[in-house]
Amino acid sequence: YNFNTFLIEYIMKKNIVIIIVSAFIGGLCSSSCSDILDEDAKAIAVETFYRTSSDCDAAVNSVINRLRSAYYRDYIAMIEAYSDLAYGRGTYAHNSLYQGENATDINRTDGLWSTFYQAIRDCNIPISHIPDADRLTDSEKDRYMGELRFLRAYAYYQIVRNWGSAPLRTELNVEEWNLGK
């Protein structure tokens, strides 16, 4: 028994395993190829989405979820460290001394700014499409429009409270890039 014999037996065993596995996979594919060809929708068209009350509920809930995600530990810790109610420690220590923001804080506040403006965008899109909803009554339209306008105003309140003046984005100027404060 030498190395050449061992190598030949190893290659043959490996080929047998490959043949068995490929035959098994081929059998699976031939029995379910039609399942592979079925396609599911991956995106929702805005032109056809905001038509029913369940669609509008999803729109309102998505904004609420986005606003909820803004209140994670960094936001609360940063706001408290700026006040006289708590002393920041670690990376928040300089906030208690009111020495301005460093690179870490700028990254934290950038995430919050983006989250609030994403919530505003998530309000503006349905606000512009709900009036055209043909499956909603006028009172349902008014209710959803009111809820979305309130959530948009709340996001703006948080932005102005934390950063001062800011660009006002509504459903009417959503396509414009250079808005003043």
Protein backbone atom coordinates (compact mmCIF):
# COMPACT_ATOMS: atom_id res chain seq x y z
CA TYR A 1 0.00 0.00 0.00
CA ASN A 2 1.66 3.19 -1.12
CA PHE A 3 0.81 6.86 -1.46
CA ASN A 4 -0.37 6.57 -5.09
CA THR A 5 -2.92 3.92 -4.17
CA PHE A 6 -4.14 6.03 -1.28
CA LEU A 7 -4.50 9.08 -3.53
CA ILE A 8 -6.48 7.17 -6.18
CA GLU A 9 -8.86 5.74 -3.56
CA TYR A 10 -9.33 9.19 -2.00
CA ILE A 11 -10.16 10.80 -5.35
CA MET A 12 -12.61 8.02 -6.23
CA LYS A 13 -14.40 8.33 -2.87
CA LYS A 14 -14.55 12.09 -3.27
CA ASN A 15 -16.02 11.76 -6.78
CA ILE A 16 -18.63 9.29 -5.56
CA VAL A 17 -19.72 11.74 -2.85
CA ILE A 18 -19.89 14.58 -5.38
CA ILE A 19 -22.00 12.46 -7.74
CA ILE A 20 -24.42 11.46 -4.97
CA VAL A 21 -24.80 15.03 -3.69
CA SER A 22 -25.30 16.46 -7.19
CA ALA A 23 -27.91 13.80 -7.98
CA PHE A 24 -29.77 14.65 -4.77
CA ILE A 25 -29.69 18.40 -5.50
CA GLY A 26 -30.73 17.80 -9.10
CA GLY A 27 -33.72 15.81 -7.87
CA LEU A 28 -34.72 18.62 -5.56
CA CYS A 29 -34.43 21.26 -8.28
CA SER A 30 -36.38 19.28 -10.81
CA SER A 31 -39.27 18.81 -8.40
CA SER A 32 -39.48 22.45 -7.32
CA CYS A 33 -38.25 24.61 -10.17
CA SER A 34 -41.61 26.34 -10.43
CA ASP A 35 -41.19 27.59 -6.85
CA ILE A 36 -37.88 29.16 -7.76
CA LEU A 37 -39.47 31.05 -10.65
CA ASP A 38 -42.25 32.58 -8.52
CA GLU A 39 -41.59 36.23 -7.68
CA ASP A 40 -42.79 38.17 -4.67
CA ALA A 41 -43.15 41.93 -4.58
CA LYS A 42 -40.04 43.54 -3.10
CA ALA A 43 -41.26 47.14 -3.02
CA ILE A 44 -44.49 49.08 -2.71
CA ALA A 45 -45.44 51.72 -5.27
CA VAL A 46 -46.30 55.01 -3.62
CA GLU A 47 -48.96 55.71 -6.28
CA THR A 48 -51.04 52.71 -5.17
CA PHE A 49 -50.20 52.40 -1.47
CA TYR A 50 -51.99 55.14 0.48
CA ARG A 51 -55.50 54.07 -0.51
CA THR A 52 -56.90 52.13 2.48
CA SER A 53 -57.06 52.69 6.21
CA SER A 54 -54.59 49.85 6.85
CA ASP A 55 -52.10 51.53 4.48
CA CYS A 56 -52.49 54.84 6.30
CA ASP A 57 -52.20 53.14 9.70
CA ALA A 58 -48.90 51.66 8.51
CA ALA A 59 -47.73 55.12 7.43
CA VAL A 60 -48.54 56.67 10.81
CA ASN A 61 -46.99 53.76 12.71
CA SER A 62 -43.79 53.94 10.67
CA VAL A 63 -43.35 57.59 11.66
CA ILE A 64 -44.02 56.77 15.31
CA ASN A 65 -41.46 53.96 15.14
CA ARG A 66 -38.87 56.27 13.59
CA LEU A 67 -39.43 58.91 16.28
CA ARG A 68 -39.22 56.24 18.96
CA SER A 69 -35.85 55.14 17.61
CA ALA A 70 -34.50 58.67 18.18
CA TYR A 71 -34.84 58.28 21.94
CA TYR A 72 -32.09 55.80 22.56
CA ARG A 73 -29.54 56.13 25.37
CA ASP A 74 -27.25 58.61 23.57
CA TYR A 75 -29.99 61.22 23.19
CA ILE A 76 -31.15 60.99 26.79
CA ALA A 77 -27.59 60.95 28.18
CA MET A 78 -26.53 63.88 26.03
CA ILE A 79 -29.52 66.03 26.97
CA GLU A 80 -29.10 65.28 30.67
CA ALA A 81 -25.35 65.96 30.57
CA TYR A 82 -26.03 69.42 29.08
CA SER A 83 -28.40 70.23 31.93
CA ASP A 84 -27.58 70.79 35.58
CA LEU A 85 -29.44 67.61 36.53
CA ALA A 86 -26.60 65.19 35.83
CA TYR A 87 -22.84 65.17 35.42
CA GLY A 88 -21.54 63.53 32.30
CA ARG A 89 -18.82 60.94 32.71
CA GLY A 90 -16.64 59.22 30.18
CA THR A 91 -17.30 60.58 26.71
CA TYR A 92 -20.07 62.80 28.12
CA ALA A 93 -17.84 64.56 30.69
CA HIS A 94 -17.08 67.59 28.54
CA ASN A 95 -20.82 68.16 27.98
CA SER A 96 -21.23 68.94 31.68
CA LEU A 97 -18.51 71.57 31.40
CA TYR A 98 -20.26 73.23 28.43
CA GLN A 99 -17.12 73.20 26.33
CA GLY A 100 -18.86 72.48 23.05
CA GLU A 101 -19.11 69.30 21.09
CA ASN A 102 -16.30 67.02 20.05
CA ALA A 103 -16.17 64.52 17.19
CA THR A 104 -18.04 61.88 19.21
CA ASP A 105 -20.92 64.23 20.00
CA ILE A 106 -21.13 65.44 16.43
CA ASN A 107 -21.65 61.85 15.29
CA ARG A 108 -24.32 61.37 17.94
CA THR A 109 -26.19 64.53 17.04
CA ASP A 110 -25.88 63.84 13.32
CA GLY A 111 -27.74 60.57 13.82
CA LEU A 112 -30.49 62.35 15.74
CA TRP A 113 -30.79 65.15 13.15
CA SER A 114 -31.07 62.56 10.37
CA THR A 115 -33.66 60.51 12.26
CA PHE A 116 -35.90 63.53 12.86
CA TYR A 117 -35.68 64.62 9.23
CA GLN A 118 -36.40 61.05 8.07
CA ALA A 119 -39.53 61.15 10.22
CA ILE A 120 -40.49 64.43 8.55
CA ARG A 121 -39.96 62.84 5.13
CA ASP A 122 -42.04 59.84 6.21
CA CYS A 123 -44.85 62.28 7.09
CA ASN A 124 -44.61 64.36 3.91
CA ILE A 125 -44.98 61.42 1.52
CA PRO A 126 -48.37 60.19 2.80
CA ILE A 127 -49.59 63.76 3.39
CA SER A 128 -49.18 64.38 -0.33
CA HIS A 129 -50.97 61.15 -1.34
CA ILE A 130 -53.78 60.68 1.18
CA PRO A 131 -56.06 63.34 -0.38
CA ASP A 132 -56.19 61.17 -3.52
CA ALA A 133 -57.19 58.01 -1.63
CA ASP A 134 -60.39 56.70 -3.15
CA ARG A 135 -61.13 54.08 -0.45
CA LEU A 136 -61.13 56.49 2.51
CA THR A 137 -63.93 58.69 3.75
CA ASP A 138 -63.32 62.39 4.22
CA SER A 139 -63.28 62.01 8.00
CA GLU A 140 -60.65 59.24 7.75
CA LYS A 141 -58.54 61.41 5.45
CA ASP A 142 -58.78 64.31 7.89
CA ARG A 143 -57.82 62.08 10.81
CA TYR A 144 -54.73 60.65 9.09
CA MET A 145 -53.67 64.04 7.79
CA GLY A 146 -54.00 65.48 11.30
CA GLU A 147 -51.99 62.66 12.86
CA LEU A 148 -49.22 62.97 10.30
CA ARG A 149 -49.09 66.77 10.57
CA PHE A 150 -48.88 66.49 14.35
CA LEU A 151 -46.00 63.98 14.12
CA ARG A 152 -44.22 66.21 11.62
CA ALA A 153 -44.65 69.22 13.94
CA TYR A 154 -43.33 67.16 16.85
CA ALA A 155 -40.19 66.25 14.86
CA TYR A 156 -39.69 69.93 14.00
CA TYR A 157 -40.17 70.84 17.66
CA GLN A 158 -37.35 68.46 18.61
CA ILE A 159 -35.08 69.85 15.89
CA VAL A 160 -35.68 73.50 16.87
CA ARG A 161 -35.40 72.67 20.57
CA ASN A 162 -32.02 71.02 20.12
CA TRP A 163 -30.42 72.89 17.21
CA GLY A 164 -32.25 76.18 16.74
CA SER A 165 -33.57 77.24 13.36
CA ALA A 166 -33.77 74.60 10.64
CA PRO A 167 -35.04 74.19 7.06
CA LEU A 168 -38.80 73.64 6.86
CA ARG A 169 -39.61 70.71 4.58
CA THR A 170 -43.25 70.13 3.72
CA GLU A 171 -45.03 68.09 1.10
CA LEU A 172 -44.94 71.17 -1.15
CA ASN A 173 -41.17 71.68 -1.25
CA VAL A 174 -39.87 68.15 -0.80
CA GLU A 175 -38.06 68.23 -4.15
CA GLU A 176 -36.13 71.46 -3.44
CA TRP A 177 -32.55 71.15 -2.18
CA ASN A 178 -31.46 74.61 -1.05
CA LEU A 179 -34.00 75.70 1.53
CA GLY A 180 -33.32 78.53 3.91
CA LYS A 181 -33.84 78.25 7.63
